[in-house]
PDB file of N, CA and C in Angstrom:
ATOM      1  N   MET A   1      -4.381   0.689 -41.221  1.00  0.00           N
ATOM      2  CA  MET A   1      -5.138   1.919 -41.222  1.00  0.00           C
ATOM      3  C   MET A   1      -4.949   2.595 -39.854  1.00  0.00           C
ATOM      4  N   PRO A   2      -4.566   3.869 -39.788  1.00  0.00           N
ATOM      5  CA  PRO A   2      -4.355   4.552 -38.513  1.00  0.00           C
ATOM      6  C   PRO A   2      -5.656   4.730 -37.750  1.00  0.00           C
ATOM      7  N   ARG A   3      -5.525   4.721 -36.445  1.00  0.00           N
ATOM      8  CA  ARG A   3      -6.691   4.923 -35.584  1.00  0.00           C
ATOM      9  C   ARG A   3      -7.096   6.383 -35.573  1.00  0.00           C
ATOM     10  N   SER A   4      -8.377   6.600 -35.470  1.00  0.00           N
ATOM     11  CA  SER A   4      -8.864   7.975 -35.330  1.00  0.00           C
ATOM     12  C   SER A   4      -8.873   8.354 -33.859  1.00  0.00           C
ATOM     13  N   SER A   5      -9.008   9.630 -33.594  1.00  0.00           N
ATOM     14  CA  SER A   5      -9.076  10.123 -32.215  1.00  0.00           C
ATOM     15  C   SER A   5     -10.265   9.501 -31.485  1.00  0.00           C
ATOM     16  N   ASP A   6     -11.379   9.317 -32.205  1.00  0.00           N
ATOM     17  CA  ASP A   6     -12.570   8.711 -31.593  1.00  0.00           C
ATOM     18  C   ASP A   6     -12.297   7.271 -31.170  1.00  0.00           C
ATOM     19  N   ASP A   7     -11.560   6.516 -32.015  1.00  0.00           N
ATOM     20  CA  ASP A   7     -11.211   5.133 -31.678  1.00  0.00           C
ATOM     21  C   ASP A   7     -10.353   5.089 -30.421  1.00  0.00           C
ATOM     22  N   GLU A   8      -9.380   5.980 -30.341  1.00  0.00           N
ATOM     23  CA  GLU A   8      -8.492   6.017 -29.180  1.00  0.00           C
ATOM     24  C   GLU A   8      -9.261   6.370 -27.914  1.00  0.00           C
ATOM     25  N   GLN A   9     -10.196   7.298 -28.010  1.00  0.00           N
ATOM     26  CA  GLN A   9     -11.000   7.665 -26.845  1.00  0.00           C
ATOM     27  C   GLN A   9     -11.887   6.509 -26.412  1.00  0.00           C
ATOM     28  N   ALA A  10     -12.438   5.773 -27.360  1.00  0.00           N
ATOM     29  CA  ALA A  10     -13.284   4.628 -27.025  1.00  0.00           C
ATOM     30  C   ALA A  10     -12.473   3.560 -26.316  1.00  0.00           C
ATOM     31  N   VAL A  11     -11.258   3.295 -26.781  1.00  0.00           N
ATOM     32  CA  VAL A  11     -10.386   2.309 -26.136  1.00  0.00           C
ATOM     33  C   VAL A  11     -10.041   2.777 -24.731  1.00  0.00           C
ATOM     34  N   GLU A  12      -9.746   4.071 -24.562  1.00  0.00           N
ATOM     35  CA  GLU A  12      -9.395   4.610 -23.242  1.00  0.00           C
ATOM     36  C   GLU A  12     -10.568   4.469 -22.274  1.00  0.00           C
ATOM     37  N   VAL A  13     -11.783   4.775 -22.711  1.00  0.00           N
ATOM     38  CA  VAL A  13     -12.962   4.644 -21.853  1.00  0.00           C
ATOM     39  C   VAL A  13     -13.173   3.184 -21.482  1.00  0.00           C
ATOM     40  N   GLU A  14     -13.048   2.278 -22.467  1.00  0.00           N
ATOM     41  CA  GLU A  14     -13.207   0.850 -22.209  1.00  0.00           C
ATOM     42  C   GLU A  14     -12.160   0.369 -21.201  1.00  0.00           C
ATOM     43  N   LEU A  15     -10.914   0.825 -21.352  1.00  0.00           N
ATOM     44  CA  LEU A  15      -9.852   0.445 -20.439  1.00  0.00           C
ATOM     45  C   LEU A  15     -10.164   0.937 -19.035  1.00  0.00           C
ATOM     46  N   ARG A  16     -10.593   2.182 -18.907  1.00  0.00           N
ATOM     47  CA  ARG A  16     -10.933   2.700 -17.586  1.00  0.00           C
ATOM     48  C   ARG A  16     -12.051   1.874 -16.946  1.00  0.00           C
ATOM     49  N   GLU A  17     -13.035   1.464 -17.729  1.00  0.00           N
ATOM     50  CA  GLU A  17     -14.113   0.631 -17.191  1.00  0.00           C
ATOM     51  C   GLU A  17     -13.571  -0.715 -16.736  1.00  0.00           C
ATOM     52  N   ASP A  18     -12.637  -1.295 -17.501  1.00  0.00           N
ATOM     53  CA  ASP A  18     -12.016  -2.557 -17.103  1.00  0.00           C
ATOM     54  C   ASP A  18     -11.233  -2.385 -15.810  1.00  0.00           C
ATOM     55  N   ILE A  19     -10.504  -1.305 -15.708  1.00  0.00           N
ATOM     56  CA  ILE A  19      -9.732  -1.040 -14.487  1.00  0.00           C
ATOM     57  C   ILE A  19     -10.662  -0.845 -13.303  1.00  0.00           C
ATOM     58  N   GLN A  20     -11.738  -0.106 -13.515  1.00  0.00           N
ATOM     59  CA  GLN A  20     -12.696   0.104 -12.426  1.00  0.00           C
ATOM     60  C   GLN A  20     -13.337  -1.211 -11.994  1.00  0.00           C
ATOM     61  N   GLU A  21     -13.662  -2.060 -12.932  1.00  0.00           N
ATOM     62  CA  GLU A  21     -14.250  -3.360 -12.593  1.00  0.00           C
ATOM     63  C   GLU A  21     -13.243  -4.224 -11.849  1.00  0.00           C
ATOM     64  N   THR A  22     -11.999  -4.209 -12.269  1.00  0.00           N
ATOM     65  CA  THR A  22     -10.950  -4.954 -11.567  1.00  0.00           C
ATOM     66  C   THR A  22     -10.801  -4.442 -10.146  1.00  0.00           C
ATOM     67  N   ALA A  23     -10.816  -3.132  -9.974  1.00  0.00           N
ATOM     68  CA  ALA A  23     -10.715  -2.536  -8.632  1.00  0.00           C
ATOM     69  C   ALA A  23     -11.900  -2.952  -7.764  1.00  0.00           C
ATOM     70  N   ARG A  24     -13.100  -2.963  -8.332  1.00  0.00           N
ATOM     71  CA  ARG A  24     -14.290  -3.392  -7.566  1.00  0.00           C
ATOM     72  C   ARG A  24     -14.144  -4.846  -7.111  1.00  0.00           C
ATOM     73  N   ARG A  25     -13.687  -5.715  -8.028  1.00  0.00           N
ATOM     74  CA  ARG A  25     -13.509  -7.120  -7.660  1.00  0.00           C
ATOM     75  C   ARG A  25     -12.424  -7.285  -6.598  1.00  0.00           C
ATOM     76  N   ALA A  26     -11.346  -6.524  -6.727  1.00  0.00           N
ATOM     77  CA  ALA A  26     -10.261  -6.611  -5.735  1.00  0.00           C
ATOM     78  C   ALA A  26     -10.749  -6.155  -4.363  1.00  0.00           C
ATOM     79  N   ARG A  27     -11.490  -5.046  -4.295  1.00  0.00           N
ATOM     80  CA  ARG A  27     -12.019  -4.569  -3.002  1.00  0.00           C
ATOM     81  C   ARG A  27     -12.958  -5.604  -2.378  1.00  0.00           C
ATOM     82  N   ALA A  28     -13.799  -6.210  -3.196  1.00  0.00           N
ATOM     83  CA  ALA A  28     -14.717  -7.228  -2.690  1.00  0.00           C
ATOM     84  C   ALA A  28     -13.952  -8.432  -2.155  1.00  0.00           C
ATOM     85  N   ARG A  29     -12.918  -8.832  -2.879  1.00  0.00           N
ATOM     86  CA  ARG A  29     -12.119  -9.995  -2.450  1.00  0.00           C
ATOM     87  C   ARG A  29     -11.383  -9.697  -1.141  1.00  0.00           C
ATOM     88  N   ILE A  30     -10.804  -8.514  -1.039  1.00  0.00           N
ATOM     89  CA  ILE A  30     -10.119  -8.133   0.199  1.00  0.00           C
ATOM     90  C   ILE A  30     -11.119  -8.104   1.355  1.00  0.00           C
ATOM     91  N   GLY A  31     -12.321  -7.615   1.082  1.00  0.00           N
ATOM     92  CA  GLY A  31     -13.350  -7.555   2.114  1.00  0.00           C
ATOM     93  C   GLY A  31     -13.763  -8.924   2.628  1.00  0.00           C
ATOM     94  N   ARG A  32     -13.623  -9.947   1.797  1.00  0.00           N
ATOM     95  CA  ARG A  32     -13.975 -11.316   2.199  1.00  0.00           C
ATOM     96  C   ARG A  32     -12.800 -12.083   2.778  1.00  0.00           C
ATOM     97  N   ALA A  33     -11.621 -11.481   2.786  1.00  0.00           N
ATOM     98  CA  ALA A  33     -10.417 -12.182   3.264  1.00  0.00           C
ATOM     99  C   ALA A  33     -10.599 -12.586   4.727  1.00  0.00           C
ATOM    100  N   PRO A  34     -10.199 -13.811   5.072  1.00  0.00           N
ATOM    101  CA  PRO A  34     -10.354 -14.271   6.454  1.00  0.00           C
ATOM    102  C   PRO A  34      -9.241 -13.748   7.379  1.00  0.00           C
ATOM    103  N   LEU A  35      -8.619 -12.645   7.006  1.00  0.00           N
ATOM    104  CA  LEU A  35      -7.545 -12.073   7.810  1.00  0.00           C
ATOM    105  C   LEU A  35      -8.118 -10.981   8.715  1.00  0.00           C
ATOM    106  N   PRO A  36      -7.567 -10.837   9.914  1.00  0.00           N
ATOM    107  CA  PRO A  36      -8.074  -9.764  10.785  1.00  0.00           C
ATOM    108  C   PRO A  36      -7.696  -8.403  10.213  1.00  0.00           C
ATOM    109  N   ALA A  37      -8.593  -7.458  10.358  1.00  0.00           N
ATOM    110  CA  ALA A  37      -8.333  -6.100   9.890  1.00  0.00           C
ATOM    111  C   ALA A  37      -7.550  -5.333  10.952  1.00  0.00           C
ATOM    112  N   VAL A  38      -6.739  -4.406  10.493  1.00  0.00           N
ATOM    113  CA  VAL A  38      -6.009  -3.496  11.370  1.00  0.00           C
ATOM    114  C   VAL A  38      -6.233  -2.091  10.831  1.00  0.00           C
ATOM    115  N   ILE A  39      -6.029  -1.107  11.675  1.00  0.00           N
ATOM    116  CA  ILE A  39      -6.105   0.263  11.193  1.00  0.00           C
ATOM    117  C   ILE A  39      -4.714   0.656  10.730  1.00  0.00           C
ATOM    118  N   GLY A  40      -4.639   1.275   9.578  1.00  0.00           N
ATOM    119  CA  GLY A  40      -3.335   1.641   9.040  1.00  0.00           C
ATOM    120  C   GLY A  40      -3.418   2.803   8.080  1.00  0.00           C
ATOM    121  N   HIS A  41      -2.293   3.349   7.774  1.00  0.00           N
ATOM    122  CA  HIS A  41      -2.163   4.445   6.822  1.00  0.00           C
ATOM    123  C   HIS A  41      -2.167   3.830   5.429  1.00  0.00           C
ATOM    124  N   ALA A  42      -2.999   4.347   4.552  1.00  0.00           N
ATOM    125  CA  ALA A  42      -3.142   3.746   3.225  1.00  0.00           C
ATOM    126  C   ALA A  42      -2.512   4.593   2.121  1.00  0.00           C
ATOM    127  N   ASP A  43      -1.652   5.528   2.480  1.00  0.00           N
ATOM    128  CA  ASP A  43      -1.048   6.410   1.477  1.00  0.00           C
ATOM    129  C   ASP A  43       0.412   6.661   1.823  1.00  0.00           C
ATOM    130  N   TRP A  44       1.207   5.586   1.829  1.00  0.00           N
ATOM    131  CA  TRP A  44       2.615   5.655   2.220  1.00  0.00           C
ATOM    132  C   TRP A  44       3.473   6.141   1.069  1.00  0.00           C
ATOM    133  N   GLU A  45       3.325   7.377   0.711  1.00  0.00           N
ATOM    134  CA  GLU A  45       4.196   7.966  -0.295  1.00  0.00           C
ATOM    135  C   GLU A  45       5.218   8.842   0.407  1.00  0.00           C
ATOM    136  N   THR A  46       6.358   9.004  -0.220  1.00  0.00           N
ATOM    137  CA  THR A  46       7.468   9.725   0.390  1.00  0.00           C
ATOM    138  C   THR A  46       7.066  11.111   0.876  1.00  0.00           C
ATOM    139  N   GLN A  47       6.224  11.808   0.122  1.00  0.00           N
ATOM    140  CA  GLN A  47       5.855  13.163   0.529  1.00  0.00           C
ATOM    141  C   GLN A  47       5.017  13.188   1.809  1.00  0.00           C
ATOM    142  N   ASN A  48       4.556  12.036   2.271  1.00  0.00           N
ATOM    143  CA  ASN A  48       3.784  11.973   3.516  1.00  0.00           C
ATOM    144  C   ASN A  48       4.648  11.625   4.729  1.00  0.00           C
ATOM    145  N   LEU A  49       5.951  11.516   4.529  1.00  0.00           N
ATOM    146  CA  LEU A  49       6.871  11.160   5.608  1.00  0.00           C
ATOM    147  C   LEU A  49       7.883  12.276   5.839  1.00  0.00           C
ATOM    148  N   ARG A  50       8.271  12.450   7.092  1.00  0.00           N
ATOM    149  CA  ARG A  50       9.370  13.355   7.432  1.00  0.00           C
ATOM    150  C   ARG A  50      10.399  12.533   8.191  1.00  0.00           C
ATOM    151  N   TRP A  51      11.664  12.778   7.903  1.00  0.00           N
ATOM    152  CA  TRP A  51      12.757  11.995   8.455  1.00  0.00           C
ATOM    153  C   TRP A  51      13.637  12.869   9.325  1.00  0.00           C
ATOM    154  N   HIS A  52      14.247  12.261  10.338  1.00  0.00           N
ATOM    155  CA  HIS A  52      15.223  12.950  11.176  1.00  0.00           C
ATOM    156  C   HIS A  52      16.288  11.929  11.552  1.00  0.00           C
ATOM    157  N   GLY A  53      17.532  12.216  11.196  1.00  0.00           N
ATOM    158  CA  GLY A  53      18.611  11.290  11.519  1.00  0.00           C
ATOM    159  C   GLY A  53      18.466   9.930  10.867  1.00  0.00           C
ATOM    160  N   GLY A  54      17.896   9.893   9.673  1.00  0.00           N
ATOM    161  CA  GLY A  54      17.762   8.624   8.953  1.00  0.00           C
ATOM    162  C   GLY A  54      16.618   7.744   9.426  1.00  0.00           C
ATOM    163  N   ARG A  55      15.780   8.264  10.313  1.00  0.00           N
ATOM    164  CA  ARG A  55      14.643   7.484  10.821  1.00  0.00           C
ATOM    165  C   ARG A  55      13.353   8.262  10.588  1.00  0.00           C
ATOM    166  N   PRO A  56      12.229   7.572  10.395  1.00  0.00           N
ATOM    167  CA  PRO A  56      10.966   8.289  10.230  1.00  0.00           C
ATOM    168  C   PRO A  56      10.662   9.107  11.490  1.00  0.00           C
ATOM    169  N   TYR A  57      10.276  10.346  11.304  1.00  0.00           N
ATOM    170  CA  TYR A  57      10.012  11.257  12.417  1.00  0.00           C
ATOM    171  C   TYR A  57       8.521  11.574  12.521  1.00  0.00           C
ATOM    172  N   ALA A  58       7.867  11.744  11.372  1.00  0.00           N
ATOM    173  CA  ALA A  58       6.436  12.082  11.364  1.00  0.00           C
ATOM    174  C   ALA A  58       5.789  11.511  10.111  1.00  0.00           C
ATOM    175  N   VAL A  59       4.514  11.170  10.235  1.00  0.00           N
ATOM    176  CA  VAL A  59       3.721  10.706   9.102  1.00  0.00           C
ATOM    177  C   VAL A  59       2.564  11.679   8.931  1.00  0.00           C
ATOM    178  N   HIS A  60       2.398  12.167   7.711  1.00  0.00           N
ATOM    179  CA  HIS A  60       1.334  13.121   7.396  1.00  0.00           C
ATOM    180  C   HIS A  60       0.237  12.443   6.583  1.00  0.00           C
ATOM    181  N   ASP A  61      -0.837  13.151   6.369  1.00  0.00           N
ATOM    182  CA  ASP A  61      -1.934  12.718   5.497  1.00  0.00           C
ATOM    183  C   ASP A  61      -2.738  11.584   6.130  1.00  0.00           C
ATOM    184  N   TRP A  62      -3.109  11.767   7.391  1.00  0.00           N
ATOM    185  CA  TRP A  62      -3.839  10.721   8.108  1.00  0.00           C
ATOM    186  C   TRP A  62      -5.305  10.634   7.725  1.00  0.00           C
ATOM    187  N   ASP A  63      -5.730  11.423   6.745  1.00  0.00           N
ATOM    188  CA  ASP A  63      -7.091  11.221   6.246  1.00  0.00           C
ATOM    189  C   ASP A  63      -7.153   9.968   5.373  1.00  0.00           C
ATOM    190  N   SER A  64      -6.016   9.324   5.182  1.00  0.00           N
ATOM    191  CA  SER A  64      -5.936   8.101   4.378  1.00  0.00           C
ATOM    192  C   SER A  64      -5.923   6.846   5.248  1.00  0.00           C
ATOM    193  N   LEU A  65      -6.544   6.899   6.409  1.00  0.00           N
ATOM    194  CA  LEU A  65      -6.630   5.708   7.253  1.00  0.00           C
ATOM    195  C   LEU A  65      -7.533   4.667   6.606  1.00  0.00           C
ATOM    196  N   ALA A  66      -7.226   3.423   6.851  1.00  0.00           N
ATOM    197  CA  ALA A  66      -8.037   2.334   6.309  1.00  0.00           C
ATOM    198  C   ALA A  66      -8.128   1.216   7.338  1.00  0.00           C
ATOM    199  N   TRP A  67      -9.222   0.499   7.326  1.00  0.00           N
ATOM    200  CA  TRP A  67      -9.458  -0.674   8.172  1.00  0.00           C
ATOM    201  C   TRP A  67      -9.475  -1.871   7.240  1.00  0.00           C
ATOM    202  N   LEU A  68      -8.298  -2.478   7.052  1.00  0.00           N
ATOM    203  CA  LEU A  68      -8.107  -3.562   6.093  1.00  0.00           C
ATOM    204  C   LEU A  68      -7.188  -4.621   6.695  1.00  0.00           C
ATOM    205  N   PRO A  69      -7.124  -5.798   6.076  1.00  0.00           N
ATOM    206  CA  PRO A  69      -6.112  -6.760   6.509  1.00  0.00           C
ATOM    207  C   PRO A  69      -4.711  -6.148   6.360  1.00  0.00           C
ATOM    208  N   GLU A  70      -3.842  -6.475   7.291  1.00  0.00           N
ATOM    209  CA  GLU A  70      -2.484  -5.945   7.267  1.00  0.00           C
ATOM    210  C   GLU A  70      -1.806  -6.222   5.927  1.00  0.00           C
ATOM    211  N   ALA A  71      -2.045  -7.401   5.372  1.00  0.00           N
ATOM    212  CA  ALA A  71      -1.421  -7.755   4.092  1.00  0.00           C
ATOM    213  C   ALA A  71      -1.822  -6.788   2.979  1.00  0.00           C
ATOM    214  N   ALA A  72      -3.064  -6.323   2.978  1.00  0.00           N
ATOM    215  CA  ALA A  72      -3.509  -5.369   1.952  1.00  0.00           C
ATOM    216  C   ALA A  72      -2.819  -4.024   2.126  1.00  0.00           C
ATOM    217  N   LEU A  73      -2.701  -3.559   3.362  1.00  0.00           N
ATOM    218  CA  LEU A  73      -2.037  -2.280   3.622  1.00  0.00           C
ATOM    219  C   LEU A  73      -0.551  -2.343   3.265  1.00  0.00           C
ATOM    220  N   VAL A  74       0.100  -3.423   3.654  1.00  0.00           N
ATOM    221  CA  VAL A  74       1.529  -3.569   3.389  1.00  0.00           C
ATOM    222  C   VAL A  74       1.774  -3.754   1.893  1.00  0.00           C
ATOM    223  N   GLY A  75       0.949  -4.538   1.234  1.00  0.00           N
ATOM    224  CA  GLY A  75       1.097  -4.716  -0.207  1.00  0.00           C
ATOM    225  C   GLY A  75       0.949  -3.413  -0.964  1.00  0.00           C
ATOM    226  N   SER A  76      -0.011  -2.611  -0.555  1.00  0.00           N
ATOM    227  CA  SER A  76      -0.202  -1.299  -1.176  1.00  0.00           C
ATOM    228  C   SER A  76       1.008  -0.403  -0.941  1.00  0.00           C
ATOM    229  N   ALA A  77       1.512  -0.401   0.276  1.00  0.00           N
ATOM    230  CA  ALA A  77       2.687   0.419   0.598  1.00  0.00           C
ATOM    231  C   ALA A  77       3.896  -0.038  -0.212  1.00  0.00           C
ATOM    232  N   ALA A  78       4.059  -1.333  -0.391  1.00  0.00           N
ATOM    233  CA  ALA A  78       5.205  -1.856  -1.133  1.00  0.00           C
ATOM    234  C   ALA A  78       5.168  -1.450  -2.601  1.00  0.00           C
ATOM    235  N   GLY A  79       3.985  -1.250  -3.126  1.00  0.00           N
ATOM    236  CA  GLY A  79       3.849  -0.897  -4.535  1.00  0.00           C
ATOM    237  C   GLY A  79       4.144   0.543  -4.866  1.00  0.00           C
ATOM    238  N   GLY A  80       4.101   1.426  -3.888  1.00  0.00           N
ATOM    239  CA  GLY A  80       4.313   2.836  -4.176  1.00  0.00           C
ATOM    240  C   GLY A  80       5.239   3.534  -3.223  1.00  0.00           C
ATOM    241  N   PHE A  81       5.753   2.825  -2.238  1.00  0.00           N
ATOM    242  CA  PHE A  81       6.554   3.434  -1.182  1.00  0.00           C
ATOM    243  C   PHE A  81       7.804   4.120  -1.703  1.00  0.00           C
ATOM    244  N   ALA A  82       8.394   3.599  -2.752  1.00  0.00           N
ATOM    245  CA  ALA A  82       9.667   4.137  -3.239  1.00  0.00           C
ATOM    246  C   ALA A  82       9.498   5.421  -4.044  1.00  0.00           C
ATOM    247  N   THR A  83       8.307   5.928  -4.165  1.00  0.00           N
ATOM    248  CA  THR A  83       8.033   7.105  -4.963  1.00  0.00           C
ATOM    249  C   THR A  83       8.536   8.367  -4.284  1.00  0.00           C
ATOM    250  N   ALA A  84       9.418   9.100  -4.961  1.00  0.00           N
ATOM    251  CA  ALA A  84       9.938  10.353  -4.412  1.00  0.00           C
ATOM    252  C   ALA A  84       9.232  11.553  -5.031  1.00  0.00           C
ATOM    253  N   GLY A  85       8.612  11.391  -6.164  1.00  0.00           N
ATOM    254  CA  GLY A  85       7.942  12.496  -6.834  1.00  0.00           C
ATOM    255  C   GLY A  85       6.471  12.180  -7.006  1.00  0.00           C
ATOM    256  N   ALA A  86       6.016  12.337  -8.235  1.00  0.00           N
ATOM    257  CA  ALA A  86       4.623  12.012  -8.537  1.00  0.00           C
ATOM    258  C   ALA A  86       4.401  10.522  -8.298  1.00  0.00           C
ATOM    259  N   PRO A  87       3.236  10.142  -7.766  1.00  0.00           N
ATOM    260  CA  PRO A  87       2.974   8.732  -7.501  1.00  0.00           C
ATOM    261  C   PRO A  87       3.172   7.871  -8.754  1.00  0.00           C
ATOM    262  N   SER A  88       3.856   6.751  -8.557  1.00  0.00           N
ATOM    263  CA  SER A  88       4.072   5.781  -9.628  1.00  0.00           C
ATOM    264  C   SER A  88       4.321   4.429  -8.982  1.00  0.00           C
ATOM    265  N   LEU A  89       4.355   3.399  -9.801  1.00  0.00           N
ATOM    266  CA  LEU A  89       4.616   2.066  -9.266  1.00  0.00           C
ATOM    267  C   LEU A  89       6.091   1.924  -8.916  1.00  0.00           C
ATOM    268  N   ALA A  90       6.364   1.280  -7.802  1.00  0.00           N
ATOM    269  CA  ALA A  90       7.746   1.031  -7.391  1.00  0.00           C
ATOM    270  C   ALA A  90       8.318  -0.112  -8.223  1.00  0.00           C
ATOM    271  N   PRO A  91       9.625  -0.094  -8.494  1.00  0.00           N
ATOM    272  CA  PRO A  91      10.246  -1.242  -9.167  1.00  0.00           C
ATOM    273  C   PRO A  91      10.102  -2.495  -8.298  1.00  0.00           C
ATOM    274  N   VAL A  92      10.046  -3.652  -8.934  1.00  0.00           N
ATOM    275  CA  VAL A  92       9.858  -4.908  -8.214  1.00  0.00           C
ATOM    276  C   VAL A  92      10.931  -5.085  -7.128  1.00  0.00           C
ATOM    277  N   GLY A  93      12.182  -4.767  -7.427  1.00  0.00           N
ATOM    278  CA  GLY A  93      13.260  -4.904  -6.446  1.00  0.00           C
ATOM    279  C   GLY A  93      13.032  -4.031  -5.220  1.00  0.00           C
ATOM    280  N   SER A  94      12.511  -2.823  -5.425  1.00  0.00           N
ATOM    281  CA  SER A  94      12.214  -1.933  -4.299  1.00  0.00           C
ATOM    282  C   SER A  94      11.067  -2.486  -3.457  1.00  0.00           C
ATOM    283  N   SER A  95      10.052  -3.013  -4.129  1.00  0.00           N
ATOM    284  CA  SER A  95       8.927  -3.611  -3.400  1.00  0.00           C
ATOM    285  C   SER A  95       9.396  -4.805  -2.575  1.00  0.00           C
ATOM    286  N   GLU A  96      10.254  -5.630  -3.166  1.00  0.00           N
ATOM    287  CA  GLU A  96      10.780  -6.792  -2.453  1.00  0.00           C
ATOM    288  C   GLU A  96      11.588  -6.362  -1.227  1.00  0.00           C
ATOM    289  N   ALA A  97      12.446  -5.348  -1.395  1.00  0.00           N
ATOM    290  CA  ALA A  97      13.248  -4.851  -0.270  1.00  0.00           C
ATOM    291  C   ALA A  97      12.344  -4.282   0.822  1.00  0.00           C
ATOM    292  N   PHE A  98      11.289  -3.562   0.436  1.00  0.00           N
ATOM    293  CA  PHE A  98      10.350  -3.015   1.408  1.00  0.00           C
ATOM    294  C   PHE A  98       9.683  -4.143   2.194  1.00  0.00           C
ATOM    295  N   LEU A  99       9.219  -5.183   1.486  1.00  0.00           N
ATOM    296  CA  LEU A  99       8.534  -6.293   2.166  1.00  0.00           C
ATOM    297  C   LEU A  99       9.470  -7.021   3.131  1.00  0.00           C
ATOM    298  N   HIS A 100      10.723  -7.225   2.738  1.00  0.00           N
ATOM    299  CA  HIS A 100      11.692  -7.870   3.642  1.00  0.00           C
ATOM    300  C   HIS A 100      11.922  -7.004   4.883  1.00  0.00           C
ATOM    301  N   ALA A 101      12.078  -5.691   4.688  1.00  0.00           N
ATOM    302  CA  ALA A 101      12.291  -4.791   5.821  1.00  0.00           C
ATOM    303  C   ALA A 101      11.062  -4.758   6.725  1.00  0.00           C
ATOM    304  N   TYR A 102       9.874  -4.760   6.128  1.00  0.00           N
ATOM    305  CA  TYR A 102       8.643  -4.768   6.917  1.00  0.00           C
ATOM    306  C   TYR A 102       8.542  -6.052   7.740  1.00  0.00           C
ATOM    307  N   GLU A 103       8.809  -7.191   7.103  1.00  0.00           N
ATOM    308  CA  GLU A 103       8.753  -8.467   7.824  1.00  0.00           C
ATOM    309  C   GLU A 103       9.729  -8.469   8.993  1.00  0.00           C
ATOM    310  N   HIS A 104      10.924  -7.965   8.776  1.00  0.00           N
ATOM    311  CA  HIS A 104      11.927  -7.897   9.843  1.00  0.00           C
ATOM    312  C   HIS A 104      11.433  -7.015  10.992  1.00  0.00           C
ATOM    313  N   ALA A 105      10.927  -5.827  10.660  1.00  0.00           N
ATOM    314  CA  ALA A 105      10.430  -4.915  11.700  1.00  0.00           C
ATOM    315  C   ALA A 105       9.200  -5.505  12.393  1.00  0.00           C
ATOM    316  N   ARG A 106       8.335  -6.157  11.639  1.00  0.00           N
ATOM    317  CA  ARG A 106       7.114  -6.754  12.208  1.00  0.00           C
ATOM    318  C   ARG A 106       7.482  -7.888  13.159  1.00  0.00           C
ATOM    319  N   ASP A 107       8.447  -8.723  12.752  1.00  0.00           N
ATOM    320  CA  ASP A 107       8.896  -9.811  13.619  1.00  0.00           C
ATOM    321  C   ASP A 107       9.485  -9.264  14.907  1.00  0.00           C
ATOM    322  N   ALA A 108      10.273  -8.196  14.804  1.00  0.00           N
ATOM    323  CA  ALA A 108      10.884  -7.587  15.993  1.00  0.00           C
ATOM    324  C   ALA A 108       9.805  -7.017  16.915  1.00  0.00           C
ATOM    325  N   ARG A 109       8.770  -6.394  16.330  1.00  0.00           N
ATOM    326  CA  ARG A 109       7.679  -5.822  17.135  1.00  0.00           C
ATOM    327  C   ARG A 109       6.833  -6.901  17.780  1.00  0.00           C
ATOM    328  N   SER A 110       6.704  -8.039  17.105  1.00  0.00           N
ATOM    329  CA  SER A 110       5.832  -9.106  17.585  1.00  0.00           C
ATOM    330  C   SER A 110       6.500 -10.026  18.595  1.00  0.00           C
ATOM    331  N   ALA A 111       7.815  -9.914  18.728  1.00  0.00           N
ATOM    332  CA  ALA A 111       8.536 -10.783  19.656  1.00  0.00           C
ATOM    333  C   ALA A 111       8.181 -10.426  21.092  1.00  0.00           C
ATOM    334  N   PRO A 112       7.941 -11.434  21.931  1.00  0.00           N
ATOM    335  CA  PRO A 112       7.652 -11.146  23.334  1.00  0.00           C
ATOM    336  C   PRO A 112       8.814 -10.408  24.004  1.00  0.00           C
ATOM    337  N   ARG A 113       8.478  -9.461  24.846  1.00  0.00           N
ATOM    338  CA  ARG A 113       9.487  -8.724  25.611  1.00  0.00           C
ATOM    339  C   ARG A 113       9.175  -8.895  27.087  1.00  0.00           C
ATOM    340  N   ASN A 114      10.172  -9.297  27.840  1.00  0.00           N
ATOM    341  CA  ASN A 114       9.998  -9.512  29.285  1.00  0.00           C
ATOM    342  C   ASN A 114       8.855 -10.495  29.562  1.00  0.00           C
ATOM    343  N   GLY A 115       8.721 -11.479  28.668  1.00  0.00           N
ATOM    344  CA  GLY A 115       7.691 -12.500  28.867  1.00  0.00           C
ATOM    345  C   GLY A 115       6.287 -12.036  28.547  1.00  0.00           C
ATOM    346  N   LYS A 116       6.125 -10.808  27.988  1.00  0.00           N
ATOM    347  CA  LYS A 116       4.801 -10.287  27.672  1.00  0.00           C
ATOM    348  C   LYS A 116       4.649 -10.161  26.168  1.00  0.00           C
ATOM    349  N   SER A 117       3.467 -10.473  25.682  1.00  0.00           N
ATOM    350  CA  SER A 117       3.176 -10.317  24.271  1.00  0.00           C
ATOM    351  C   SER A 117       2.885  -8.850  23.972  1.00  0.00           C
ATOM    352  N   PRO A 118       3.415  -8.310  22.861  1.00  0.00           N
ATOM    353  CA  PRO A 118       3.169  -6.899  22.550  1.00  0.00           C
ATOM    354  C   PRO A 118       1.774  -6.608  22.027  1.00  0.00           C
ATOM    355  N   GLY A 119       1.000  -7.634  21.674  1.00  0.00           N
ATOM    356  CA  GLY A 119      -0.341  -7.415  21.154  1.00  0.00           C
ATOM    357  C   GLY A 119      -0.314  -6.982  19.700  1.00  0.00           C
ATOM    358  N   ARG A 120      -1.475  -6.584  19.181  1.00  0.00           N
ATOM    359  CA  ARG A 120      -1.586  -6.180  17.772  1.00  0.00           C
ATOM    360  C   ARG A 120      -1.197  -4.718  17.639  1.00  0.00           C
ATOM    361  N   ALA A 121      -0.538  -4.416  16.569  1.00  0.00           N
ATOM    362  CA  ALA A 121      -0.143  -3.033  16.291  1.00  0.00           C
ATOM    363  C   ALA A 121      -0.679  -2.606  14.953  1.00  0.00           C
ATOM    364  N   ALA A 122      -0.899  -1.340  14.782  1.00  0.00           N
ATOM    365  CA  ALA A 122      -1.363  -0.803  13.517  1.00  0.00           C
ATOM    366  C   ALA A 122      -0.212  -0.734  12.536  1.00  0.00           C
ATOM    367  N   CYS A 123      -0.540  -0.706  11.243  1.00  0.00           N
ATOM    368  CA  CYS A 123       0.465  -0.574  10.179  1.00  0.00           C
ATOM    369  C   CYS A 123       0.808   0.885  10.000  1.00  0.00           C
TER     370      CYS A 123
END
């Protein structure tokens, strides 16, 4: 028997409530994480970046700052960073490549220089 429009709307509302509940639980779990929080940009979409000579030149949309564990900020960026148009989920391969590049850059930033520790940096 085909679904009616009312049935489809009820399923959509129920799904949105499930998604909202999942988001609430995820935020609570991140808030309890024993990881130190850092300040970082929480909206790393392509339209918020400007490039010059193949390197990032400027980051826009700084009203999206967040005080979260670095892992939460980086994980979020990995999931949507590859978006060139309307926001969407990045392919798994793109997320993996982003995480490897981030780890490499983070390791380079964290390495002592001239015998001095660089300290904590924002994402």
